[in-house]
């Protein structure tokens, strides 16, 4: 993450909450359900060169997708909800630092 406040606000918009027992200047932990993601400060990160990615398995992906759309969350231009050839329903988002978040559920 380049900016802790921006990253925290983005993940809160996805329904994540702060995790852990402390607040660290250069470190952020967020969680939602069974998923916990940790970030470290990297001010020099160039989002155009970032290849960070996370795959998050979910239940009821259609409902999650609908909530995110209703909340105005921007879906990756190449990642709308669809069933992939590998029999997963998936969609993707890019966070403010271009970390790719792919959500998936067995089709």
Protein backbone atom coordinates (compact mmCIF):
# COMPACT_ATOMS: atom_id res chain seq x y z
CA UNK A 1 0.00 0.00 0.00
CA UNK A 2 1.13 3.51 -0.73
CA UNK A 3 -1.30 5.21 1.64
CA UNK A 4 -2.74 3.47 4.69
CA UNK A 5 -5.82 5.71 4.99
CA UNK A 6 -6.74 5.25 1.31
CA UNK A 7 -6.25 1.48 1.47
CA UNK A 8 -8.21 1.17 4.70
CA UNK A 9 -11.12 3.22 3.30
CA UNK A 10 -11.24 1.14 0.12
CA UNK A 11 -11.35 -2.18 1.96
CA UNK A 12 -13.96 -0.83 4.37
CA UNK A 13 -16.09 -0.04 1.31
CA UNK A 14 -15.87 -3.76 0.50
CA UNK A 15 -17.07 -4.69 3.99
CA UNK A 16 -13.69 -5.38 5.61
CA UNK A 17 -12.94 -4.17 9.15
CA UNK A 18 -9.68 -3.49 10.96
CA UNK A 19 -8.03 -6.63 12.31
CA UNK A 20 -5.39 -7.11 14.97
CA UNK A 21 -4.98 -5.58 18.38
CA UNK A 22 -2.94 -2.51 17.50
CA UNK A 23 -2.59 0.31 15.02
CA UNK A 24 0.79 0.37 13.32
CA UNK A 25 1.93 3.30 11.17
CA UNK A 26 3.38 1.20 8.35
CA UNK A 27 1.15 -1.86 8.55
CA UNK A 28 -2.55 -2.55 8.01
CA UNK A 29 -4.60 -5.66 8.71
CA UNK A 30 -8.19 -6.03 7.51
CA UNK A 31 -10.61 -8.94 7.72
CA UNK A 32 -13.99 -10.03 6.48
CA UNK A 33 -15.50 -13.38 7.39
CA UNK A 34 -12.68 -15.93 7.06
CA UNK A 35 -10.39 -13.66 5.00
CA UNK A 36 -7.61 -11.56 6.52
CA UNK A 37 -5.32 -9.42 4.37
CA UNK A 38 -2.16 -7.67 5.56
CA UNK A 39 -0.52 -4.67 3.89
CA UNK A 40 2.81 -2.97 4.46
CA UNK A 41 3.68 0.60 3.55
CA UNK A 42 5.48 0.89 0.21
CA UNK A 43 5.41 4.56 -0.79
CA UNK A 44 7.55 3.96 -3.89
CA UNK A 45 5.12 1.40 -5.31
CA UNK A 46 4.27 2.13 -8.93
CA UNK A 47 0.69 0.88 -9.41
CA UNK A 48 1.34 0.39 -13.14
CA UNK A 49 4.04 -2.14 -12.28
CA UNK A 50 2.28 -3.82 -9.36
CA UNK A 51 1.47 -7.49 -9.88
CA UNK A 52 0.05 -8.22 -6.41
CA UNK A 53 -2.99 -10.46 -6.46
CA UNK A 54 -5.26 -12.33 -4.08
CA UNK A 55 -7.85 -15.03 -4.81
CA UNK A 56 -10.74 -15.06 -2.34
CA UNK A 57 -13.17 -17.99 -2.27
CA UNK A 58 -16.68 -16.93 -1.33
CA UNK A 59 -20.19 -18.31 -0.98
CA UNK A 60 -23.15 -16.77 -2.81
CA UNK A 61 -20.97 -14.84 -5.24
CA UNK A 62 -23.98 -13.44 -7.12
CA UNK A 63 -25.24 -11.71 -3.96
CA UNK A 64 -21.78 -10.31 -3.17
CA UNK A 65 -21.41 -9.02 -6.72
CA UNK A 66 -24.86 -7.37 -6.58
CA UNK A 67 -24.06 -5.64 -3.27
CA UNK A 68 -20.74 -4.32 -4.59
CA UNK A 69 -22.40 -3.00 -7.75
CA UNK A 70 -25.18 -1.37 -5.70
CA UNK A 71 -22.51 0.25 -3.51
CA UNK A 72 -20.79 1.70 -6.59
CA UNK A 73 -17.66 -0.45 -6.34
CA UNK A 74 -15.78 -0.39 -9.63
CA UNK A 75 -15.38 -3.85 -11.15
CA UNK A 76 -12.21 -4.59 -13.13
CA UNK A 77 -12.93 -3.79 -16.81
CA UNK A 78 -11.93 -7.34 -17.79
CA UNK A 79 -13.38 -8.97 -14.69
CA UNK A 80 -17.18 -8.92 -14.57
CA UNK A 81 -18.94 -11.86 -12.97
CA UNK A 82 -18.78 -14.85 -15.29
CA UNK A 83 -18.36 -18.59 -15.26
CA UNK A 84 -14.86 -19.53 -16.33
CA UNK A 85 -13.87 -22.65 -18.32
CA UNK A 86 -12.36 -24.06 -15.11
CA UNK A 87 -15.90 -24.11 -13.61
CA UNK A 88 -15.49 -21.19 -11.26
CA UNK A 89 -17.77 -18.15 -11.12
CA UNK A 90 -15.43 -15.20 -10.73
CA UNK A 91 -15.16 -11.44 -10.78
CA UNK A 92 -12.24 -9.10 -10.11
CA UNK A 93 -11.49 -5.71 -8.63
CA UNK A 94 -8.40 -3.52 -8.54
CA UNK A 95 -7.64 -1.75 -5.28
CA UNK A 96 -6.11 1.77 -5.24
CA UNK A 97 -2.60 0.31 -5.65
CA UNK A 98 -3.60 -2.05 -8.46
CA UNK A 99 -3.61 -5.19 -6.32
CA UNK A 100 -5.89 -7.60 -8.17
CA UNK A 101 -8.65 -9.11 -6.04
CA UNK A 102 -10.41 -12.04 -7.65
CA UNK A 103 -13.47 -13.48 -5.93
CA UNK A 104 -14.49 -17.00 -6.88
CA UNK A 105 -17.00 -19.75 -6.16
CA UNK A 106 -17.39 -23.21 -7.67
CA UNK A 107 -19.91 -23.15 -10.50
